[in-house]
C-alpha atoms as a PDB file:
ATOM      1  CA  MET A   1      39.818 118.952 153.503  1.00  0.00           C
ATOM      2  CA  ALA A   2      42.325 118.076 156.285  1.00  0.00           C
ATOM      3  CA  ARG A   3      39.570 118.177 158.911  1.00  0.00           C
ATOM      4  CA  ARG A   4      37.409 115.805 156.819  1.00  0.00           C
ATOM      5  CA  SER A   5      40.278 113.342 156.410  1.00  0.00           C
ATOM      6  CA  SER A   6      40.903 113.396 160.160  1.00  0.00           C
ATOM      7  CA  ASN A   7      37.257 112.693 160.897  1.00  0.00           C
ATOM      8  CA  ASP A   8      37.217 109.758 158.433  1.00  0.00           C
ATOM      9  CA  THR A   9      40.330 108.302 160.023  1.00  0.00           C
ATOM     10  CA  GLU A  10      38.809 108.508 163.521  1.00  0.00           C
ATOM     11  CA  ALA A  11      35.622 106.850 162.301  1.00  0.00           C
ATOM     12  CA  ILE A  12      37.585 103.969 160.764  1.00  0.00           C
ATOM     13  CA  ALA A  13      39.621 103.595 163.973  1.00  0.00           C
ATOM     14  CA  ASN A  14      36.432 103.360 166.024  1.00  0.00           C
ATOM     15  CA  VAL A  15      35.074 100.654 163.720  1.00  0.00           C
ATOM     16  CA  LEU A  16      38.304  98.678 163.962  1.00  0.00           C
ATOM     17  CA  ARG A  17      38.154  98.709 167.784  1.00  0.00           C
ATOM     18  CA  ILE A  18      34.701  97.137 167.709  1.00  0.00           C
ATOM     19  CA  LEU A  19      35.540  94.324 165.189  1.00  0.00           C
ATOM     20  CA  PRO A  20      36.862  90.978 166.483  1.00  0.00           C
ATOM     21  CA  ALA A  21      40.519  90.178 165.811  1.00  0.00           C
ATOM     22  CA  LYS A  22      39.819  87.505 163.190  1.00  0.00           C
ATOM     23  CA  TRP A  23      37.525  89.834 161.259  1.00  0.00           C
ATOM     24  CA  LEU A  24      40.155  92.515 161.420  1.00  0.00           C
ATOM     25  CA  ILE A  25      42.787  90.192 159.941  1.00  0.00           C
ATOM     26  CA  GLY A  26      40.399  89.118 157.162  1.00  0.00           C
ATOM     27  CA  LEU A  27      39.584  92.739 156.384  1.00  0.00           C
ATOM     28  CA  LEU A  28      43.260  93.640 156.175  1.00  0.00           C
ATOM     29  CA  VAL A  29      43.900  90.722 153.805  1.00  0.00           C
ATOM     30  CA  ALA A  30      40.955  91.802 151.638  1.00  0.00           C
ATOM     31  CA  VAL A  31      42.250  95.389 151.539  1.00  0.00           C
ATOM     32  CA  VAL A  32      45.742  94.245 150.500  1.00  0.00           C
ATOM     33  CA  LEU A  33      44.343  91.984 147.767  1.00  0.00           C
ATOM     34  CA  TYR A  34      42.083  94.748 146.535  1.00  0.00           C
ATOM     35  CA  PHE A  35      45.017  97.166 146.464  1.00  0.00           C
ATOM     36  CA  PHE A  36      47.003  94.883 144.124  1.00  0.00           C
ATOM     37  CA  LEU A  37      44.121  93.549 142.005  1.00  0.00           C
ATOM     38  CA  GLN A  38      42.100  96.750 141.440  1.00  0.00           C
ATOM     39  CA  PRO A  39      44.242  98.216 138.588  1.00  0.00           C
ATOM     40  CA  ARG A  40      44.539  94.834 136.883  1.00  0.00           C
ATOM     41  CA  LEU A  41      40.810  94.121 137.062  1.00  0.00           C
ATOM     42  CA  ASN A  42      40.087  97.524 135.518  1.00  0.00           C
ATOM     43  CA  GLN A  43      42.609  96.789 132.757  1.00  0.00           C
ATOM     44  CA  TRP A  44      41.452  93.229 131.996  1.00  0.00           C
ATOM     45  CA  PHE A  45      37.676  93.696 132.154  1.00  0.00           C
ATOM     46  CA  GLY A  46      37.282  97.426 131.489  1.00  0.00           C
ATOM     47  CA  TRP A  47      35.761  98.002 134.918  1.00  0.00           C
ATOM     48  CA  ASN A  48      35.935 101.280 136.850  1.00  0.00           C
ATOM     49  CA  LEU A  49      36.706 100.040 140.371  1.00  0.00           C
ATOM     50  CA  PRO A  50      37.858 102.924 142.641  1.00  0.00           C
ATOM     51  CA  SER A  51      41.293 102.768 144.200  1.00  0.00           C
ATOM     52  CA  ILE A  52      41.878 102.665 147.971  1.00  0.00           C
ATOM     53  CA  ALA A  53      42.922 106.335 147.892  1.00  0.00           C
ATOM     54  CA  ALA A  54      39.763 107.269 145.974  1.00  0.00           C
ATOM     55  CA  MET A  55      37.588 105.475 148.506  1.00  0.00           C
ATOM     56  CA  ALA A  56      39.422 107.315 151.301  1.00  0.00           C
ATOM     57  CA  GLY A  57      38.586 110.624 149.591  1.00  0.00           C
ATOM     58  CA  ASN A  58      42.166 111.529 148.684  1.00  0.00           C
ATOM     59  CA  GLU A  59      41.760 110.965 144.957  1.00  0.00           C
ATOM     60  CA  ALA A  60      38.976 111.378 142.430  1.00  0.00           C
ATOM     61  CA  PRO A  61      37.729 108.126 140.875  1.00  0.00           C
ATOM     62  CA  ALA A  62      39.363 107.374 137.522  1.00  0.00           C
ATOM     63  CA  LYS A  63      37.166 107.809 134.511  1.00  0.00           C
ATOM     64  CA  ASN A  64      37.165 105.474 131.511  1.00  0.00           C
ATOM     65  CA  ALA A  65      39.163 107.056 128.741  1.00  0.00           C
ATOM     66  CA  LYS A  66      37.178 107.296 125.533  1.00  0.00           C
ATOM     67  CA  LEU A  67      38.797 106.132 122.350  1.00  0.00           C
ATOM     68  CA  PRO A  68      39.047 108.835 119.731  1.00  0.00           C
ATOM     69  CA  ASN A  69      36.491 108.597 116.950  1.00  0.00           C
ATOM     70  CA  LYS A  70      38.290 107.022 114.034  1.00  0.00           C
ATOM     71  CA  THR A  71      36.316 108.897 111.465  1.00  0.00           C
ATOM     72  CA  ASN A  72      36.773 112.242 113.174  1.00  0.00           C
ATOM     73  CA  SER A  73      40.467 111.552 113.791  1.00  0.00           C
ATOM     74  CA  ASN A  74      41.072 110.779 110.172  1.00  0.00           C
ATOM     75  CA  ALA A  75      39.096 113.759 109.132  1.00  0.00           C
ATOM     76  CA  SER A  76      41.060 116.067 111.425  1.00  0.00           C
ATOM     77  CA  THR A  77      44.545 114.723 110.680  1.00  0.00           C
ATOM     78  CA  LYS A  78      44.249 113.939 106.987  1.00  0.00           C
ATOM     79  CA  PRO A  79      44.764 117.036 104.878  1.00  0.00           C
ATOM     80  CA  ALA A  80      41.907 117.839 102.614  1.00  0.00           C
ATOM     81  CA  GLU A  81      42.477 116.640  99.116  1.00  0.00           C
ATOM     82  CA  SER A  82      42.277 119.314  96.543  1.00  0.00           C
ATOM     83  CA  LYS A  83      40.014 118.461  93.723  1.00  0.00           C
ATOM     84  CA  SER A  84      41.482 118.948  90.326  1.00  0.00           C
ATOM     85  CA  PRO A  85      39.571 118.802  87.108  1.00  0.00           C
ATOM     86  CA  ASP A  86      39.452 115.340  85.547  1.00  0.00           C
ATOM     87  CA  PRO A  87      42.073 114.928  82.858  1.00  0.00           C
ATOM     88  CA  LYS A  88      40.667 115.161  79.430  1.00  0.00           C
ATOM     89  CA  PRO A  89      40.594 111.888  77.501  1.00  0.00           C
ATOM     90  CA  ALA A  90      43.048 111.542  74.683  1.00  0.00           C
ATOM     91  CA  ALA A  91      41.714 113.023  71.544  1.00  0.00           C
ATOM     92  CA  THR A  92      40.519 110.523  68.979  1.00  0.00           C
ATOM     93  CA  LYS A  93      39.847 111.013  65.357  1.00  0.00           C
ATOM     94  CA  THR A  94      36.217 111.009  64.478  1.00  0.00           C
ATOM     95  CA  THR A  95      34.642 110.565  61.130  1.00  0.00           C
ATOM     96  CA  ASP A  96      30.899 111.059  60.726  1.00  0.00           C
ATOM     97  CA  SER A  97      30.550 111.133  64.545  1.00  0.00           C
ATOM     98  CA  LYS A  98      32.084 107.641  64.843  1.00  0.00           C
ATOM     99  CA  THR A  99      35.336 106.982  66.654  1.00  0.00           C
ATOM    100  CA  THR A 100      37.930 105.376  64.437  1.00  0.00           C
ATOM    101  CA  GLU A 101      40.453 103.141  66.126  1.00  0.00           C
ATOM    102  CA  PRO A 102      43.866 102.428  64.644  1.00  0.00           C
ATOM    103  CA  LYS A 103      43.811  99.321  62.556  1.00  0.00           C
ATOM    104  CA  SER A 104      46.350  96.583  63.186  1.00  0.00           C
ATOM    105  CA  PRO A 105      48.424  95.611  60.167  1.00  0.00           C
ATOM    106  CA  PRO A 106      47.101  92.581  58.297  1.00  0.00           C
ATOM    107  CA  THR A 107      48.747  89.360  59.399  1.00  0.00           C
ATOM    108  CA  SER A 108      50.774  87.687  56.720  1.00  0.00           C
ATOM    109  CA  ARG A 109      52.182  84.190  56.907  1.00  0.00           C
ATOM    110  CA  SER A 110      55.953  84.507  56.587  1.00  0.00           C
ATOM    111  CA  SER A 111      58.089  81.818  55.022  1.00  0.00           C
ATOM    112  CA  ALA A 112      59.479  80.963  58.492  1.00  0.00           C
ATOM    113  CA  GLY A 113      55.956  80.667  59.894  1.00  0.00           C
ATOM    114  CA  THR A 114      54.886  78.522  56.952  1.00  0.00           C
ATOM    115  CA  LYS A 115      57.843  76.210  57.459  1.00  0.00           C
ATOM    116  CA  GLN A 116      57.112  75.839  61.183  1.00  0.00           C
ATOM    117  CA  ALA A 117      53.446  75.108  60.512  1.00  0.00           C
ATOM    118  CA  ASP A 118      54.457  72.492  57.950  1.00  0.00           C
ATOM    119  CA  GLU A 119      56.875  70.923  60.432  1.00  0.00           C
ATOM    120  CA  ASP A 120      54.129  70.705  63.076  1.00  0.00           C
ATOM    121  CA  TYR A 121      51.862  69.123  60.477  1.00  0.00           C
ATOM    122  CA  LYS A 122      54.486  66.560  59.519  1.00  0.00           C
ATOM    123  CA  PHE A 123      55.218  65.550  63.086  1.00  0.00           C
ATOM    124  CA  ARG A 124      51.614  65.188  64.215  1.00  0.00           C
ATOM    125  CA  ILE A 125      51.766  61.353  64.353  1.00  0.00           C
ATOM    126  CA  LEU A 126      55.165  61.292  66.100  1.00  0.00           C
ATOM    127  CA  LYS A 127      55.913  61.803  69.778  1.00  0.00           C
ATOM    128  CA  SER A 128      58.986  63.531  71.146  1.00  0.00           C
ATOM    129  CA  VAL A 129      61.355  61.196  73.033  1.00  0.00           C
ATOM    130  CA  GLY A 130      64.261  63.602  73.515  1.00  0.00           C
ATOM    131  CA  ARG A 131      65.983  66.551  71.969  1.00  0.00           C
ATOM    132  CA  ASP A 132      65.179  66.436  68.242  1.00  0.00           C
ATOM    133  CA  ARG A 133      64.239  62.768  68.599  1.00  0.00           C
ATOM    134  CA  PHE A 134      60.814  61.472  67.592  1.00  0.00           C
ATOM    135  CA  GLU A 135      59.200  58.045  67.799  1.00  0.00           C
ATOM    136  CA  SER A 136      56.542  56.672  65.464  1.00  0.00           C
ATOM    137  CA  PRO A 137      53.625  54.492  66.606  1.00  0.00           C
ATOM    138  CA  ALA A 138      55.472  51.429  65.228  1.00  0.00           C
ATOM    139  CA  GLY A 139      58.587  52.262  67.270  1.00  0.00           C
ATOM    140  CA  LEU A 140      60.835  53.786  64.606  1.00  0.00           C
ATOM    141  CA  ILE A 141      63.123  56.570  65.828  1.00  0.00           C
ATOM    142  CA  TYR A 142      63.749  59.711  63.758  1.00  0.00           C
ATOM    143  CA  ALA A 143      66.867  61.481  65.035  1.00  0.00           C
ATOM    144  CA  PRO A 144      69.528  63.939  63.855  1.00  0.00           C
ATOM    145  CA  GLY A 145      71.771  62.615  61.100  1.00  0.00           C
ATOM    146  CA  SER A 146      72.464  62.596  57.351  1.00  0.00           C
ATOM    147  CA  GLU A 147      73.692  65.484  55.212  1.00  0.00           C
ATOM    148  CA  GLU A 148      70.397  67.296  55.759  1.00  0.00           C
ATOM    149  CA  GLY A 149      70.937  67.399  59.543  1.00  0.00           C
ATOM    150  CA  HIS A 150      67.959  65.210  60.466  1.00  0.00           C
ATOM    151  CA  ARG A 151      66.468  61.961  59.179  1.00  0.00           C
ATOM    152  CA  LEU A 152      63.086  63.625  58.741  1.00  0.00           C
ATOM    153  CA  ALA A 153      64.670  66.276  56.551  1.00  0.00           C
ATOM    154  CA  HIS A 154      66.350  63.519  54.573  1.00  0.00           C
ATOM    155  CA  ILE A 155      63.215  61.500  53.814  1.00  0.00           C
ATOM    156  CA  ALA A 156      61.375  64.765  53.027  1.00  0.00           C
ATOM    157  CA  LYS A 157      63.519  64.951  49.869  1.00  0.00           C
ATOM    158  CA  HIS A 158      61.540  61.942  48.611  1.00  0.00           C
ATOM    159  CA  LEU A 159      58.299  63.938  48.660  1.00  0.00           C
ATOM    160  CA  GLU A 160      59.145  65.735  45.416  1.00  0.00           C
ATOM    161  CA  ASP A 161      60.908  64.895  42.200  1.00  0.00           C
ATOM    162  CA  GLN A 162      64.458  65.916  41.360  1.00  0.00           C
ATOM    163  CA  PRO A 163      64.442  65.707  37.556  1.00  0.00           C
ATOM    164  CA  ASN A 164      68.095  66.743  37.219  1.00  0.00           C
ATOM    165  CA  ARG A 165      69.364  64.135  39.629  1.00  0.00           C
ATOM    166  CA  PRO A 166      71.444  61.463  37.858  1.00  0.00           C
ATOM    167  CA  GLY A 167      69.887  57.995  37.932  1.00  0.00           C
ATOM    168  CA  SER A 168      66.574  57.210  39.618  1.00  0.00           C
ATOM    169  CA  HIS A 169      64.822  58.911  42.511  1.00  0.00           C
ATOM    170  CA  GLY A 170      61.835  57.333  44.293  1.00  0.00           C
ATOM    171  CA  VAL A 171      59.114  59.931  44.929  1.00  0.00           C
ATOM    172  CA  PHE A 172      56.299  59.349  47.428  1.00  0.00           C
ATOM    173  CA  GLU A 173      52.942  60.787  46.359  1.00  0.00           C
ATOM    174  CA  GLY A 174      51.471  62.415  49.473  1.00  0.00           C
ATOM    175  CA  ASP A 175      52.437  64.630  52.378  1.00  0.00           C
ATOM    176  CA  MET A 176      54.830  63.857  55.193  1.00  0.00           C
ATOM    177  CA  SER A 177      52.138  62.488  57.490  1.00  0.00           C
ATOM    178  CA  ALA A 178      50.991  59.978  54.864  1.00  0.00           C
ATOM    179  CA  PHE A 179      54.624  59.090  54.180  1.00  0.00           C
ATOM    180  CA  LEU A 180      55.271  58.384  57.890  1.00  0.00           C
ATOM    181  CA  VAL A 181      52.168  56.193  58.091  1.00  0.00           C
ATOM    182  CA  ALA A 182      53.263  54.221  55.019  1.00  0.00           C
ATOM    183  CA  ILE A 183      56.770  53.781  56.464  1.00  0.00           C
ATOM    184  CA  ASP A 184      55.323  52.407  59.703  1.00  0.00           C
ATOM    185  CA  ASP A 185      53.091  50.025  57.759  1.00  0.00           C
ATOM    186  CA  ALA A 186      55.981  48.693  55.668  1.00  0.00           C
ATOM    187  CA  TYR A 187      58.186  48.372  58.776  1.00  0.00           C
ATOM    188  CA  LYS A 188      55.628  46.357  60.753  1.00  0.00           C
ATOM    189  CA  ARG A 189      54.838  44.005  57.864  1.00  0.00           C
ATOM    190  CA  ALA A 190      58.504  43.444  56.971  1.00  0.00           C
ATOM    191  CA  ARG A 191      59.477  42.755  60.584  1.00  0.00           C
ATOM    192  CA  GLY A 192      56.612  40.282  60.813  1.00  0.00           C
ATOM    193  CA  HIS A 193      57.797  38.570  57.613  1.00  0.00           C
ATOM    194  CA  ALA A 194      54.459  39.219  55.915  1.00  0.00           C
ATOM    195  CA  LYS A 195      53.931  37.800  52.440  1.00  0.00           C
ATOM    196  CA  GLY A 196      55.970  39.581  49.759  1.00  0.00           C
ATOM    197  CA  THR A 197      58.283  41.369  52.232  1.00  0.00           C
ATOM    198  CA  LYS A 198      62.044  40.977  52.281  1.00  0.00           C
ATOM    199  CA  SER A 199      64.828  41.814  54.754  1.00  0.00           C
ATOM    200  CA  ARG A 200      68.602  41.578  54.809  1.00  0.00           C
ATOM    201  CA  VAL A 201      71.464  42.916  56.932  1.00  0.00           C
ATOM    202  CA  GLU A 202      74.300  44.985  55.457  1.00  0.00           C
ATOM    203  CA  ASP A 203      77.007  46.865  57.409  1.00  0.00           C
ATOM    204  CA  GLY A 204      75.064  46.626  60.656  1.00  0.00           C
ATOM    205  CA  MET A 205      71.895  47.996  59.055  1.00  0.00           C
ATOM    206  CA  THR A 206      68.706  46.111  58.203  1.00  0.00           C
ATOM    207  CA  ILE A 207      67.159  46.728  54.803  1.00  0.00           C
ATOM    208  CA  PHE A 208      63.434  46.018  54.598  1.00  0.00           C
ATOM    209  CA  GLU A 209      61.285  45.903  51.466  1.00  0.00           C
ATOM    210  CA  ALA A 210      57.491  45.745  51.496  1.00  0.00           C
ATOM    211  CA  PRO A 211      54.944  45.784  48.646  1.00  0.00           C
ATOM    212  CA  PHE A 212      51.687  47.790  48.629  1.00  0.00           C
ATOM    213  CA  ASP A 213      48.372  46.988  46.951  1.00  0.00           C
ATOM    214  CA  GLN A 214      48.425  50.234  44.990  1.00  0.00           C
ATOM    215  CA  ALA A 215      50.954  52.751  43.784  1.00  0.00           C
ATOM    216  CA  ILE A 216      52.513  54.830  46.546  1.00  0.00           C
ATOM    217  CA  GLY A 217      54.698  56.966  44.296  1.00  0.00           C
ATOM    218  CA  TYR A 218      56.604  57.145  41.062  1.00  0.00           C
ATOM    219  CA  LEU A 219      60.126  56.933  39.682  1.00  0.00           C
ATOM    220  CA  GLY A 220      61.754  60.337  39.392  1.00  0.00           C
ATOM    221  CA  GLY A 221      65.184  61.696  38.625  1.00  0.00           C
ATOM    222  CA  SER A 222      66.739  61.608  35.170  1.00  0.00           C
ATOM    223  CA  GLU A 223      66.013  57.884  34.822  1.00  0.00           C
ATOM    224  CA  GLY A 224      62.382  58.394  35.775  1.00  0.00           C
ATOM    225  CA  ALA A 225      62.022  61.231  33.272  1.00  0.00           C
ATOM    226  CA  ARG A 226      63.497  59.024  30.560  1.00  0.00           C
ATOM    227  CA  ARG A 227      60.979  56.288  31.388  1.00  0.00           C
ATOM    228  CA  LYS A 228      58.048  58.701  31.787  1.00  0.00           C
ATOM    229  CA  ASN A 229      57.839  58.370  35.566  1.00  0.00           C
ATOM    230  CA  PRO A 230      56.419  54.854  36.057  1.00  0.00           C
ATOM    231  CA  LYS A 231      54.322  54.159  39.165  1.00  0.00           C
ATOM    232  CA  LEU A 232      55.942  52.412  42.135  1.00  0.00           C
ATOM    233  CA  LYS A 233      54.248  49.933  44.533  1.00  0.00           C
ATOM    234  CA  LYS A 234      57.085  49.017  46.884  1.00  0.00           C
ATOM    235  CA  MET A 235      59.008  50.743  49.654  1.00  0.00           C
ATOM    236  CA  ARG A 236      62.538  50.229  50.902  1.00  0.00           C
ATOM    237  CA  LEU A 237      63.535  51.080  54.474  1.00  0.00           C
ATOM    238  CA  VAL A 238      67.040  51.196  55.942  1.00  0.00           C
ATOM    239  CA  VAL A 239      67.059  50.863  59.738  1.00  0.00           C
ATOM    240  CA  ARG A 240      69.771  50.631  62.397  1.00  0.00           C
ATOM    241  CA  ASP A 241      68.549  49.614  65.871  1.00  0.00           C
ATOM    242  CA  ARG A 242      65.086  51.101  65.274  1.00  0.00           C
ATOM    243  CA  ASN A 243      66.665  54.323  64.008  1.00  0.00           C
ATOM    244  CA  LEU A 244      65.395  55.063  60.517  1.00  0.00           C
ATOM    245  CA  ILE A 245      68.204  55.923  58.103  1.00  0.00           C
ATOM    246  CA  THR A 246      66.154  56.382  54.947  1.00  0.00           C
ATOM    247  CA  ALA A 247      62.937  55.292  53.200  1.00  0.00           C
ATOM    248  CA  PHE A 248      61.704  55.691  49.618  1.00  0.00           C
ATOM    249  CA  PRO A 249      59.504  54.007  46.984  1.00  0.00           C
ATOM    250  CA  ILE A 250      61.176  51.508  44.673  1.00  0.00           C
ATOM    251  CA  GLN A 251      60.222  49.390  41.662  1.00  0.00           C
END
């Protein structure tokens, strides 16, 4: 090996003596550039350019390293999964070869659910304008207040008779939605001073009265019972700054 290297060196020296000086300088520059660029070119482009030492016979040319096979690598490193018998499905009762599933209890409408559904039904023509505040299409506001806790709860007492109540009690014949529509109608006509309507101010509140073409309710309470519950065709509203205080049928 040493003899071969010596012979190669002498051959190169002989070639260098023959070459002109400018060629020799260019060759040296090319060798230096190749020395620095060869490893980077192999790395960037995946080439297999031999190094200077390899070309001189002092080193074997580098071989491209092969990437390990992903499938084989996984297969060799990943432990084999032990197969276990599939778990048995939960036992189910069968009757006449038919699977019976547990039945859900029948749904029953509780009193709380009934009340909530009724409240939603009553408020269907109103829009929420704040916490526990509702506005009607005519602009009346129904807000918390009165002994019942809310003005809607208060006027709801006029949807059914109270025979034991002393004196008279105006009862509206219909549900809450119809009552709210009738209140809006009376309010708009009374504010517009329609024929037959009346209005007056007492203690900072405006009292409106408006007639209807047909009966909207009847007279209840002890006085109504004494008079055999006569039909009523008028409504009285008490309002403070658009806030409804109360509303009920009157004679």
